[in-house]
C-alpha atoms as a PDB file:
ATOM      1  CA  UNK A   1     -32.349 -44.185  54.818  1.00  0.00           C
ATOM      2  CA  UNK A   2     -30.383 -44.192  51.915  1.00  0.00           C
ATOM      3  CA  UNK A   3     -33.548 -43.404  49.181  1.00  0.00           C
ATOM      4  CA  UNK A   4     -34.287 -40.030  51.909  1.00  0.00           C
ATOM      5  CA  UNK A   5     -30.454 -39.047  51.961  1.00  0.00           C
ATOM      6  CA  UNK A   6     -29.820 -39.445  47.509  1.00  0.00           C
ATOM      7  CA  UNK A   7     -33.454 -37.871  47.323  1.00  0.00           C
ATOM      8  CA  UNK A   8     -32.425 -34.717  49.033  1.00  0.00           C
ATOM      9  CA  UNK A   9     -28.856 -34.470  47.619  1.00  0.00           C
ATOM     10  CA  UNK A  10     -31.022 -34.304  44.210  1.00  0.00           C
ATOM     11  CA  UNK A  11     -32.977 -31.704  44.937  1.00  0.00           C
ATOM     12  CA  UNK A  12     -30.127 -29.117  46.351  1.00  0.00           C
ATOM     13  CA  UNK A  13     -27.413 -29.814  43.739  1.00  0.00           C
ATOM     14  CA  UNK A  14     -30.999 -28.972  41.151  1.00  0.00           C
ATOM     15  CA  UNK A  15     -31.250 -26.433  43.740  1.00  0.00           C
ATOM     16  CA  UNK A  16     -28.075 -25.033  43.251  1.00  0.00           C
ATOM     17  CA  UNK A  17     -27.822 -25.137  39.586  1.00  0.00           C
ATOM     18  CA  UNK A  18     -30.572 -23.127  39.157  1.00  0.00           C
ATOM     19  CA  UNK A  19     -29.573 -20.370  40.996  1.00  0.00           C
ATOM     20  CA  UNK A  20     -26.364 -20.744  39.029  1.00  0.00           C
ATOM     21  CA  UNK A  21     -28.105 -20.064  35.810  1.00  0.00           C
ATOM     22  CA  UNK A  22     -29.656 -16.817  37.020  1.00  0.00           C
ATOM     23  CA  UNK A  23     -28.306 -15.580  39.498  1.00  0.00           C
ATOM     24  CA  UNK A  24     -24.709 -15.522  38.123  1.00  0.00           C
ATOM     25  CA  UNK A  25     -24.298 -12.117  36.211  1.00  0.00           C
ATOM     26  CA  UNK A  26     -20.988 -12.150  35.362  1.00  0.00           C
ATOM     27  CA  UNK A  27     -21.795 -14.649  32.786  1.00  0.00           C
ATOM     28  CA  UNK A  28     -23.977 -12.991  30.837  1.00  0.00           C
ATOM     29  CA  UNK A  29     -22.267 -11.156  27.915  1.00  0.00           C
ATOM     30  CA  UNK A  30     -25.172  -8.522  27.181  1.00  0.00           C
ATOM     31  CA  UNK A  31     -23.353  -6.607  30.211  1.00  0.00           C
ATOM     32  CA  UNK A  32     -20.276  -6.400  28.662  1.00  0.00           C
ATOM     33  CA  UNK A  33     -17.364  -5.586  25.601  1.00  0.00           C
ATOM     34  CA  UNK A  34     -21.580  -4.461  23.506  1.00  0.00           C
ATOM     35  CA  UNK A  35     -21.953  -0.487  23.109  1.00  0.00           C
ATOM     36  CA  UNK A  36     -25.203   1.082  25.152  1.00  0.00           C
ATOM     37  CA  UNK A  37     -27.078   1.549  21.655  1.00  0.00           C
ATOM     38  CA  UNK A  38     -25.971  -2.194  20.681  1.00  0.00           C
ATOM     39  CA  UNK A  39     -28.173  -3.492  24.453  1.00  0.00           C
ATOM     40  CA  UNK A  40     -30.922  -0.625  23.522  1.00  0.00           C
ATOM     41  CA  UNK A  41     -31.822  -1.787  20.644  1.00  0.00           C
ATOM     42  CA  UNK A  42     -31.974  -5.699  21.693  1.00  0.00           C
ATOM     43  CA  UNK A  43     -33.740  -7.781  24.383  1.00  0.00           C
ATOM     44  CA  UNK A  44     -31.332 -10.424  24.947  1.00  0.00           C
ATOM     45  CA  UNK A  45     -26.986 -10.655  24.855  1.00  0.00           C
ATOM     46  CA  UNK A  46     -25.803 -11.293  21.991  1.00  0.00           C
ATOM     47  CA  UNK A  47     -21.920 -12.654  21.800  1.00  0.00           C
ATOM     48  CA  UNK A  48     -22.218 -15.473  19.308  1.00  0.00           C
ATOM     49  CA  UNK A  49     -20.835 -12.946  15.785  1.00  0.00           C
ATOM     50  CA  UNK A  50     -18.852 -11.366  18.367  1.00  0.00           C
ATOM     51  CA  UNK A  51     -15.871 -13.704  19.775  1.00  0.00           C
ATOM     52  CA  UNK A  52     -15.646 -15.949  17.244  1.00  0.00           C
ATOM     53  CA  UNK A  53     -11.850 -17.218  16.253  1.00  0.00           C
ATOM     54  CA  UNK A  54     -10.432 -17.930  13.220  1.00  0.00           C
ATOM     55  CA  UNK A  55     -10.568 -21.496  12.242  1.00  0.00           C
ATOM     56  CA  UNK A  56      -7.690 -22.800  10.349  1.00  0.00           C
ATOM     57  CA  UNK A  57      -7.776 -24.436   6.992  1.00  0.00           C
ATOM     58  CA  UNK A  58      -6.338 -27.772   6.970  1.00  0.00           C
ATOM     59  CA  UNK A  59      -2.555 -27.248   5.417  1.00  0.00           C
ATOM     60  CA  UNK A  60      -1.997 -28.273   2.216  1.00  0.00           C
ATOM     61  CA  UNK A  61       0.741 -29.909   0.892  1.00  0.00           C
ATOM     62  CA  UNK A  62       2.307 -29.943  -2.849  1.00  0.00           C
ATOM     63  CA  UNK A  63       3.267 -33.081  -3.608  1.00  0.00           C
ATOM     64  CA  UNK A  64      -0.211 -33.823  -2.375  1.00  0.00           C
ATOM     65  CA  UNK A  65      -1.608 -31.498  -4.826  1.00  0.00           C
ATOM     66  CA  UNK A  66      -3.192 -33.627  -7.815  1.00  0.00           C
ATOM     67  CA  UNK A  67      -4.701 -30.689  -9.710  1.00  0.00           C
ATOM     68  CA  UNK A  68      -5.373 -26.533  -9.120  1.00  0.00           C
ATOM     69  CA  UNK A  69      -6.687 -24.685 -11.635  1.00  0.00           C
ATOM     70  CA  UNK A  70      -7.327 -20.582 -10.572  1.00  0.00           C
ATOM     71  CA  UNK A  71     -10.580 -18.809 -10.869  1.00  0.00           C
ATOM     72  CA  UNK A  72     -12.207 -15.005 -11.431  1.00  0.00           C
ATOM     73  CA  UNK A  73     -15.528 -14.972  -9.759  1.00  0.00           C
ATOM     74  CA  UNK A  74     -17.533 -11.162 -10.438  1.00  0.00           C
ATOM     75  CA  UNK A  75     -20.214 -11.146  -7.493  1.00  0.00           C
ATOM     76  CA  UNK A  76     -23.083  -8.518  -8.792  1.00  0.00           C
ATOM     77  CA  UNK A  77     -24.248  -6.858  -4.870  1.00  0.00           C
ATOM     78  CA  UNK A  78     -27.819  -6.618  -7.257  1.00  0.00           C
ATOM     79  CA  UNK A  79     -29.178  -9.917  -7.030  1.00  0.00           C
ATOM     80  CA  UNK A  80     -31.136 -10.977  -4.249  1.00  0.00           C
ATOM     81  CA  UNK A  81     -28.929 -13.216  -2.550  1.00  0.00           C
ATOM     82  CA  UNK A  82     -26.010 -11.100  -1.933  1.00  0.00           C
ATOM     83  CA  UNK A  83     -28.059  -8.170  -0.751  1.00  0.00           C
ATOM     84  CA  UNK A  84     -26.732  -9.290   2.533  1.00  0.00           C
ATOM     85  CA  UNK A  85     -22.910  -7.809   1.259  1.00  0.00           C
ATOM     86  CA  UNK A  86     -24.517  -4.216  -0.287  1.00  0.00           C
ATOM     87  CA  UNK A  87     -26.497  -3.184   2.574  1.00  0.00           C
ATOM     88  CA  UNK A  88     -26.744  -1.978   5.758  1.00  0.00           C
ATOM     89  CA  UNK A  89     -26.434   1.579   3.322  1.00  0.00           C
ATOM     90  CA  UNK A  90     -25.546   4.812   5.738  1.00  0.00           C
ATOM     91  CA  UNK A  91     -25.560   7.370   3.393  1.00  0.00           C
ATOM     92  CA  UNK A  92     -25.468   9.246   6.358  1.00  0.00           C
ATOM     93  CA  UNK A  93     -22.559   8.554   8.053  1.00  0.00           C
ATOM     94  CA  UNK A  94     -25.333   8.149  11.310  1.00  0.00           C
ATOM     95  CA  UNK A  95     -24.373   4.512  12.040  1.00  0.00           C
ATOM     96  CA  UNK A  96     -28.374   4.086  11.805  1.00  0.00           C
ATOM     97  CA  UNK A  97     -27.703  -0.065  12.198  1.00  0.00           C
ATOM     98  CA  UNK A  98     -25.475  -0.403  15.287  1.00  0.00           C
ATOM     99  CA  UNK A  99     -25.474  -4.104  15.141  1.00  0.00           C
ATOM    100  CA  UNK A 100     -24.105  -4.239  11.179  1.00  0.00           C
ATOM    101  CA  UNK A 101     -21.787  -2.929   8.602  1.00  0.00           C
ATOM    102  CA  UNK A 102     -22.059  -3.996   5.208  1.00  0.00           C
ATOM    103  CA  UNK A 103     -19.123  -6.251   3.682  1.00  0.00           C
ATOM    104  CA  UNK A 104     -17.566  -2.591   1.931  1.00  0.00           C
ATOM    105  CA  UNK A 105     -17.425  -0.341   5.311  1.00  0.00           C
ATOM    106  CA  UNK A 106     -15.992  -3.466   7.168  1.00  0.00           C
ATOM    107  CA  UNK A 107     -12.970  -3.517   4.729  1.00  0.00           C
ATOM    108  CA  UNK A 108     -12.151  -0.013   4.584  1.00  0.00           C
ATOM    109  CA  UNK A 109     -12.658   0.458   9.064  1.00  0.00           C
ATOM    110  CA  UNK A 110      -9.984  -2.340   8.632  1.00  0.00           C
ATOM    111  CA  UNK A 111      -7.672  -0.454   6.508  1.00  0.00           C
ATOM    112  CA  UNK A 112      -7.604   2.529   7.339  1.00  0.00           C
ATOM    113  CA  UNK A 113      -6.972   1.212  11.033  1.00  0.00           C
ATOM    114  CA  UNK A 114     -10.638   2.245  11.723  1.00  0.00           C
ATOM    115  CA  UNK A 115     -11.722  -0.757  13.325  1.00  0.00           C
ATOM    116  CA  UNK A 116     -10.142  -3.747  16.602  1.00  0.00           C
ATOM    117  CA  UNK A 117      -7.868  -5.023  13.759  1.00  0.00           C
ATOM    118  CA  UNK A 118      -5.989  -3.264  10.650  1.00  0.00           C
ATOM    119  CA  UNK A 119      -5.339  -5.138   7.734  1.00  0.00           C
ATOM    120  CA  UNK A 120      -3.580  -4.130   3.954  1.00  0.00           C
ATOM    121  CA  UNK A 121      -5.145  -2.456   1.033  1.00  0.00           C
ATOM    122  CA  UNK A 122      -3.054  -3.643  -2.280  1.00  0.00           C
ATOM    123  CA  UNK A 123      -2.984  -1.787  -4.975  1.00  0.00           C
ATOM    124  CA  UNK A 124      -4.674  -2.250  -8.251  1.00  0.00           C
ATOM    125  CA  UNK A 125      -2.924  -0.317 -10.981  1.00  0.00           C
ATOM    126  CA  UNK A 126      -4.677  -0.414 -13.922  1.00  0.00           C
ATOM    127  CA  UNK A 127      -7.346  -2.841 -12.594  1.00  0.00           C
ATOM    128  CA  UNK A 128      -5.943  -6.119 -13.567  1.00  0.00           C
ATOM    129  CA  UNK A 129      -3.522  -5.748 -10.859  1.00  0.00           C
ATOM    130  CA  UNK A 130      -4.468  -8.643  -8.362  1.00  0.00           C
ATOM    131  CA  UNK A 131      -0.929 -10.018  -7.662  1.00  0.00           C
ATOM    132  CA  UNK A 132      -0.730  -8.470  -4.401  1.00  0.00           C
ATOM    133  CA  UNK A 133       2.329  -6.188  -5.837  1.00  0.00           C
ATOM    134  CA  UNK A 134       2.134  -3.209  -4.409  1.00  0.00           C
ATOM    135  CA  UNK A 135       0.696  -2.383  -0.014  1.00  0.00           C
ATOM    136  CA  UNK A 136      -1.825   1.069  -0.622  1.00  0.00           C
ATOM    137  CA  UNK A 137      -1.065   3.391   2.096  1.00  0.00           C
ATOM    138  CA  UNK A 138      -3.865   4.721   4.041  1.00  0.00           C
ATOM    139  CA  UNK A 139      -3.931   7.593   2.611  1.00  0.00           C
ATOM    140  CA  UNK A 140      -4.026   7.135  -0.813  1.00  0.00           C
ATOM    141  CA  UNK A 141      -7.039   4.339   0.038  1.00  0.00           C
ATOM    142  CA  UNK A 142      -8.826   7.556   1.305  1.00  0.00           C
ATOM    143  CA  UNK A 143      -8.315   9.786  -1.422  1.00  0.00           C
ATOM    144  CA  UNK A 144      -9.695   7.631  -3.395  1.00  0.00           C
ATOM    145  CA  UNK A 145     -13.122   7.106  -1.732  1.00  0.00           C
ATOM    146  CA  UNK A 146     -13.232  10.610  -0.323  1.00  0.00           C
ATOM    147  CA  UNK A 147     -11.492  12.448  -3.390  1.00  0.00           C
ATOM    148  CA  UNK A 148      -8.643  14.776  -2.973  1.00  0.00           C
ATOM    149  CA  UNK A 149      -8.603  17.747  -0.243  1.00  0.00           C
ATOM    150  CA  UNK A 150      -9.105  21.509  -2.801  1.00  0.00           C
ATOM    151  CA  UNK A 151      -7.801  24.053  -1.038  1.00  0.00           C
ATOM    152  CA  UNK A 152      -8.142  27.466  -1.998  1.00  0.00           C
ATOM    153  CA  UNK A 153      -5.954  30.897  -2.050  1.00  0.00           C
ATOM    154  CA  UNK A 154      -8.437  33.981  -0.778  1.00  0.00           C
ATOM    155  CA  UNK A 155      -9.626  34.198   3.057  1.00  0.00           C
ATOM    156  CA  UNK A 156     -13.193  35.317   3.924  1.00  0.00           C
ATOM    157  CA  UNK A 157     -14.385  35.492   7.433  1.00  0.00           C
ATOM    158  CA  UNK A 158     -15.568  31.899   7.153  1.00  0.00           C
ATOM    159  CA  UNK A 159     -12.224  30.506   7.055  1.00  0.00           C
ATOM    160  CA  UNK A 160      -9.207  29.276   8.419  1.00  0.00           C
ATOM    161  CA  UNK A 161      -5.705  30.571   7.557  1.00  0.00           C
ATOM    162  CA  UNK A 162      -2.738  28.295   7.185  1.00  0.00           C
ATOM    163  CA  UNK A 163      -0.320  28.739   4.654  1.00  0.00           C
ATOM    164  CA  UNK A 164       0.777  25.685   2.281  1.00  0.00           C
ATOM    165  CA  UNK A 165       4.345  25.344   0.606  1.00  0.00           C
ATOM    166  CA  UNK A 166       5.409  28.624  -1.051  1.00  0.00           C
ATOM    167  CA  UNK A 167       4.497  30.362   2.020  1.00  0.00           C
ATOM    168  CA  UNK A 168       0.870  31.405   0.388  1.00  0.00           C
ATOM    169  CA  UNK A 169      -2.327  31.851   2.752  1.00  0.00           C
ATOM    170  CA  UNK A 170      -5.094  29.604   2.037  1.00  0.00           C
ATOM    171  CA  UNK A 171      -8.218  28.561   3.029  1.00  0.00           C
ATOM    172  CA  UNK A 172     -10.585  25.808   3.611  1.00  0.00           C
ATOM    173  CA  UNK A 173     -14.215  27.319   3.654  1.00  0.00           C
ATOM    174  CA  UNK A 174     -17.605  27.616   5.726  1.00  0.00           C
ATOM    175  CA  UNK A 175     -20.416  28.537   4.907  1.00  0.00           C
ATOM    176  CA  UNK A 176     -22.572  30.808   6.374  1.00  0.00           C
ATOM    177  CA  UNK A 177     -23.943  27.954   8.739  1.00  0.00           C
ATOM    178  CA  UNK A 178     -20.374  27.046  10.162  1.00  0.00           C
ATOM    179  CA  UNK A 179     -20.804  24.128   7.983  1.00  0.00           C
ATOM    180  CA  UNK A 180     -17.654  22.911   6.512  1.00  0.00           C
ATOM    181  CA  UNK A 181     -18.147  23.330   2.287  1.00  0.00           C
ATOM    182  CA  UNK A 182     -17.159  19.698   0.682  1.00  0.00           C
ATOM    183  CA  UNK A 183     -13.892  20.828  -0.711  1.00  0.00           C
ATOM    184  CA  UNK A 184     -12.831  17.441  -2.350  1.00  0.00           C
ATOM    185  CA  UNK A 185     -12.327  16.307  -5.799  1.00  0.00           C
ATOM    186  CA  UNK A 186     -13.516  13.324  -7.458  1.00  0.00           C
ATOM    187  CA  UNK A 187     -14.271  10.077  -4.483  1.00  0.00           C
ATOM    188  CA  UNK A 188     -16.617   7.365  -5.261  1.00  0.00           C
ATOM    189  CA  UNK A 189     -19.672   6.374  -3.771  1.00  0.00           C
ATOM    190  CA  UNK A 190     -19.838   3.509  -1.368  1.00  0.00           C
ATOM    191  CA  UNK A 191     -23.388   2.299  -3.200  1.00  0.00           C
ATOM    192  CA  UNK A 192     -22.010   2.961  -6.332  1.00  0.00           C
ATOM    193  CA  UNK A 193     -19.711   0.319  -4.590  1.00  0.00           C
ATOM    194  CA  UNK A 194     -21.890  -3.342  -6.210  1.00  0.00           C
ATOM    195  CA  UNK A 195     -19.997  -5.926  -7.666  1.00  0.00           C
ATOM    196  CA  UNK A 196     -16.466  -7.745  -5.517  1.00  0.00           C
ATOM    197  CA  UNK A 197     -14.029 -10.096  -7.721  1.00  0.00           C
ATOM    198  CA  UNK A 198     -12.581 -13.106  -6.324  1.00  0.00           C
ATOM    199  CA  UNK A 199      -9.827 -14.588  -7.117  1.00  0.00           C
ATOM    200  CA  UNK A 200      -9.746 -18.211  -5.862  1.00  0.00           C
ATOM    201  CA  UNK A 201      -7.802 -21.584  -6.378  1.00  0.00           C
ATOM    202  CA  UNK A 202      -9.519 -24.719  -6.690  1.00  0.00           C
ATOM    203  CA  UNK A 203      -7.364 -27.783  -6.385  1.00  0.00           C
ATOM    204  CA  UNK A 204      -7.610 -31.999  -5.416  1.00  0.00           C
ATOM    205  CA  UNK A 205      -5.716 -32.519  -1.886  1.00  0.00           C
ATOM    206  CA  UNK A 206      -5.041 -36.838  -2.294  1.00  0.00           C
ATOM    207  CA  UNK A 207      -4.314 -36.901   1.797  1.00  0.00           C
ATOM    208  CA  UNK A 208      -7.949 -35.868   2.160  1.00  0.00           C
ATOM    209  CA  UNK A 209      -9.977 -36.635  -1.100  1.00  0.00           C
ATOM    210  CA  UNK A 210     -11.903 -34.019  -1.413  1.00  0.00           C
ATOM    211  CA  UNK A 211     -11.671 -31.488  -4.472  1.00  0.00           C
ATOM    212  CA  UNK A 212     -11.881 -28.042  -2.321  1.00  0.00           C
ATOM    213  CA  UNK A 213     -11.442 -24.294  -2.910  1.00  0.00           C
ATOM    214  CA  UNK A 214      -9.424 -21.874  -1.238  1.00  0.00           C
ATOM    215  CA  UNK A 215      -9.944 -17.619  -1.903  1.00  0.00           C
ATOM    216  CA  UNK A 216      -7.331 -15.597  -2.337  1.00  0.00           C
ATOM    217  CA  UNK A 217      -7.842 -12.545  -3.031  1.00  0.00           C
ATOM    218  CA  UNK A 218     -11.552 -10.367  -3.067  1.00  0.00           C
ATOM    219  CA  UNK A 219     -11.769  -6.573  -4.557  1.00  0.00           C
ATOM    220  CA  UNK A 220     -14.800  -3.876  -4.715  1.00  0.00           C
ATOM    221  CA  UNK A 221     -15.391  -2.628  -8.425  1.00  0.00           C
ATOM    222  CA  UNK A 222     -17.205   0.589  -8.325  1.00  0.00           C
ATOM    223  CA  UNK A 223     -19.384   1.711 -11.222  1.00  0.00           C
ATOM    224  CA  UNK A 224     -17.955   4.685 -13.566  1.00  0.00           C
ATOM    225  CA  UNK A 225     -19.204   8.503 -13.857  1.00  0.00           C
ATOM    226  CA  UNK A 226     -17.997  11.527 -15.025  1.00  0.00           C
ATOM    227  CA  UNK A 227     -17.116  14.770 -14.063  1.00  0.00           C
ATOM    228  CA  UNK A 228     -21.196  15.443 -13.703  1.00  0.00           C
ATOM    229  CA  UNK A 229     -21.633  12.706 -11.520  1.00  0.00           C
ATOM    230  CA  UNK A 230     -23.739  10.162 -14.487  1.00  0.00           C
ATOM    231  CA  UNK A 231     -22.917   6.972 -14.810  1.00  0.00           C
ATOM    232  CA  UNK A 232     -20.902   5.601 -17.567  1.00  0.00           C
ATOM    233  CA  UNK A 233     -19.539   2.414 -18.789  1.00  0.00           C
ATOM    234  CA  UNK A 234     -16.464   0.428 -17.515  1.00  0.00           C
ATOM    235  CA  UNK A 235     -15.838  -0.653 -13.908  1.00  0.00           C
ATOM    236  CA  UNK A 236     -13.028   0.716 -10.918  1.00  0.00           C
ATOM    237  CA  UNK A 237     -11.173  -1.917  -9.223  1.00  0.00           C
ATOM    238  CA  UNK A 238     -11.087   0.267  -5.640  1.00  0.00           C
ATOM    239  CA  UNK A 239      -8.187  -2.459  -4.402  1.00  0.00           C
ATOM    240  CA  UNK A 240      -7.140  -5.376  -3.425  1.00  0.00           C
ATOM    241  CA  UNK A 241      -7.587  -7.214  -0.243  1.00  0.00           C
ATOM    242  CA  UNK A 242      -6.113 -10.896   0.692  1.00  0.00           C
ATOM    243  CA  UNK A 243      -9.245 -13.429   2.510  1.00  0.00           C
ATOM    244  CA  UNK A 244      -6.545 -15.214   5.374  1.00  0.00           C
ATOM    245  CA  UNK A 245      -6.324 -11.549   6.480  1.00  0.00           C
ATOM    246  CA  UNK A 246      -9.575 -10.424   5.492  1.00  0.00           C
ATOM    247  CA  UNK A 247     -10.635 -13.077   8.052  1.00  0.00           C
ATOM    248  CA  UNK A 248      -9.285 -11.558  10.684  1.00  0.00           C
ATOM    249  CA  UNK A 249     -11.831  -8.819  10.425  1.00  0.00           C
ATOM    250  CA  UNK A 250     -15.150 -10.484   9.052  1.00  0.00           C
ATOM    251  CA  UNK A 251     -15.025 -13.767  11.455  1.00  0.00           C
ATOM    252  CA  UNK A 252     -17.129 -10.746  13.738  1.00  0.00           C
ATOM    253  CA  UNK A 253     -18.502  -8.861  11.711  1.00  0.00           C
ATOM    254  CA  UNK A 254     -22.925  -9.277  11.832  1.00  0.00           C
ATOM    255  CA  UNK A 255     -24.494  -9.715   8.236  1.00  0.00           C
ATOM    256  CA  UNK A 256     -28.305 -10.359   7.564  1.00  0.00           C
ATOM    257  CA  UNK A 257     -30.389 -13.612   7.661  1.00  0.00           C
ATOM    258  CA  UNK A 258     -32.254 -13.086   4.220  1.00  0.00           C
ATOM    259  CA  UNK A 259     -34.569 -16.001   5.836  1.00  0.00           C
ATOM    260  CA  UNK A 260     -35.701 -12.892   7.976  1.00  0.00           C
ATOM    261  CA  UNK A 261     -34.470 -14.558  11.342  1.00  0.00           C
ATOM    262  CA  UNK A 262     -32.278 -12.096  13.358  1.00  0.00           C
ATOM    263  CA  UNK A 263     -31.332 -14.694  15.815  1.00  0.00           C
ATOM    264  CA  UNK A 264     -29.927 -16.640  13.473  1.00  0.00           C
ATOM    265  CA  UNK A 265     -27.351 -13.637  11.012  1.00  0.00           C
ATOM    266  CA  UNK A 266     -24.919 -14.622   9.635  1.00  0.00           C
ATOM    267  CA  UNK A 267     -20.834 -13.437   9.502  1.00  0.00           C
ATOM    268  CA  UNK A 268     -18.964 -12.585   6.631  1.00  0.00           C
ATOM    269  CA  UNK A 269     -16.762 -15.731   6.806  1.00  0.00           C
ATOM    270  CA  UNK A 270     -19.972 -17.634   7.109  1.00  0.00           C
ATOM    271  CA  UNK A 271     -20.949 -16.255   3.375  1.00  0.00           C
ATOM    272  CA  UNK A 272     -17.337 -16.650   1.750  1.00  0.00           C
ATOM    273  CA  UNK A 273     -16.416 -20.057   3.430  1.00  0.00           C
ATOM    274  CA  UNK A 274     -19.909 -21.608   3.026  1.00  0.00           C
ATOM    275  CA  UNK A 275     -19.931 -20.206   0.071  1.00  0.00           C
ATOM    276  CA  UNK A 276     -23.400 -18.561   0.161  1.00  0.00           C
ATOM    277  CA  UNK A 277     -23.759 -16.138  -2.374  1.00  0.00           C
ATOM    278  CA  UNK A 278     -24.231 -16.372  -6.205  1.00  0.00           C
ATOM    279  CA  UNK A 279     -21.221 -15.342  -8.403  1.00  0.00           C
ATOM    280  CA  UNK A 280     -20.512 -15.525 -12.137  1.00  0.00           C
ATOM    281  CA  UNK A 281     -17.101 -16.919 -13.560  1.00  0.00           C
ATOM    282  CA  UNK A 282     -15.407 -14.379 -15.199  1.00  0.00           C
ATOM    283  CA  UNK A 283     -12.103 -15.591 -15.487  1.00  0.00           C
ATOM    284  CA  UNK A 284      -9.518 -18.515 -15.486  1.00  0.00           C
ATOM    285  CA  UNK A 285      -6.241 -19.756 -15.269  1.00  0.00           C
ATOM    286  CA  UNK A 286      -4.661 -20.134 -19.411  1.00  0.00           C
ATOM    287  CA  UNK A 287      -2.055 -19.489 -21.307  1.00  0.00           C
ATOM    288  CA  UNK A 288      -3.197 -15.940 -22.630  1.00  0.00           C
ATOM    289  CA  UNK A 289      -4.541 -14.507 -19.536  1.00  0.00           C
ATOM    290  CA  UNK A 290      -7.361 -13.574 -20.379  1.00  0.00           C
ATOM    291  CA  UNK A 291     -10.883 -13.077 -18.916  1.00  0.00           C
ATOM    292  CA  UNK A 292     -14.298 -14.392 -20.796  1.00  0.00           C
ATOM    293  CA  UNK A 293     -14.971 -11.503 -22.612  1.00  0.00           C
ATOM    294  CA  UNK A 294     -12.165 -11.396 -24.320  1.00  0.00           C
ATOM    295  CA  UNK A 295     -13.510 -13.863 -26.849  1.00  0.00           C
ATOM    296  CA  UNK A 296     -16.940 -14.480 -26.281  1.00  0.00           C
ATOM    297  CA  UNK A 297     -20.048 -12.404 -25.748  1.00  0.00           C
ATOM    298  CA  UNK A 298     -22.964 -11.906 -24.452  1.00  0.00           C
ATOM    299  CA  UNK A 299     -24.929 -15.031 -24.249  1.00  0.00           C
ATOM    300  CA  UNK A 300     -22.060 -17.089 -25.402  1.00  0.00           C
ATOM    301  CA  UNK A 301     -19.714 -15.792 -22.564  1.00  0.00           C
ATOM    302  CA  UNK A 302     -22.570 -17.068 -19.597  1.00  0.00           C
ATOM    303  CA  UNK A 303     -22.857 -20.339 -21.076  1.00  0.00           C
ATOM    304  CA  UNK A 304     -18.771 -20.293 -21.282  1.00  0.00           C
ATOM    305  CA  UNK A 305     -18.467 -19.564 -17.668  1.00  0.00           C
ATOM    306  CA  UNK A 306     -20.788 -22.487 -17.049  1.00  0.00           C
ATOM    307  CA  UNK A 307     -18.827 -25.171 -19.145  1.00  0.00           C
ATOM    308  CA  UNK A 308     -15.937 -23.789 -16.820  1.00  0.00           C
ATOM    309  CA  UNK A 309     -18.018 -24.579 -13.912  1.00  0.00           C
ATOM    310  CA  UNK A 310     -18.698 -28.055 -15.628  1.00  0.00           C
ATOM    311  CA  UNK A 311     -15.721 -28.616 -15.852  1.00  0.00           C
ATOM    312  CA  UNK A 312     -14.819 -28.165 -12.397  1.00  0.00           C
ATOM    313  CA  UNK A 313     -17.457 -30.031 -11.354  1.00  0.00           C
ATOM    314  CA  UNK A 314     -16.661 -33.247 -14.188  1.00  0.00           C
ATOM    315  CA  UNK A 315     -12.518 -33.776 -13.231  1.00  0.00           C
ATOM    316  CA  UNK A 316     -13.888 -34.147  -9.598  1.00  0.00           C
ATOM    317  CA  UNK A 317     -16.511 -36.653 -10.328  1.00  0.00           C
ATOM    318  CA  UNK A 318     -14.367 -38.820 -12.453  1.00  0.00           C
ATOM    319  CA  UNK A 319     -11.924 -39.587  -9.641  1.00  0.00           C
ATOM    320  CA  UNK A 320     -14.303 -41.519  -8.519  1.00  0.00           C
ATOM    321  CA  UNK A 321     -15.516 -45.390  -9.444  1.00  0.00           C
ATOM    322  CA  UNK A 322     -19.187 -46.233  -8.356  1.00  0.00           C
END
């Protein structure tokens, strides 16, 4: 009799568990926190990358750091391994990819208060300021990317009349179809942002007996163009982002998985924290505060970068005995 009672109880318990799994629609993430277009673009609810929390890093005590060195790297987005940071490129602004944006779009929206979380952008003065001294205002960042607005001093039938500080009439022009004419000077094409610069610090923590690295800041770098839009030599460092702040944004920003398995897409935080990118060392902390290309060129610069990387590896390796 006890066996029959136990059997009936077991069947009843399994049936309840199964019914809860299927019928409890409130636990289905597909029904909340996602736009209609996002739901219609997937056959199931994707919640893994939407609600991730920032995992706090291990606290570092100064007394535990036996050795440290600052390193600067360049991530070339033209390399295949780094393509998830560059794409999708949405020049039309129609958000054709509803579940993903490229890295710069994610950070630009956060810095201009268009996203759910806001972060600060720091001015990269003269192209070499990576000390996070001056916060760039939202307007300055928009003007840098979009260009400064031009004001015409004449009117026509398509104009929107207004007055400037001198009381003169100005107008923003529209074409004959009612579309606003591009009235901005300068600006940076987002497709020209083909590199990211990383400032990081390597250190050996004797408390945990590990060689570790923490990213301090990241900086988007765009190609330079002349007034006619023709590419020219040089680089344009747009701004610096403080990485601990950036983590609050990129933890839920999805990036494409290069192994073509969209159910296992990564976030940008995964890419940076797991070092899933290809980069070249361009500078190490030194007494002259100079970059490698200031004293090496061409192949010699690449060899010097490899020497710095090997030196860091050897420092960790030499701490152990086998």
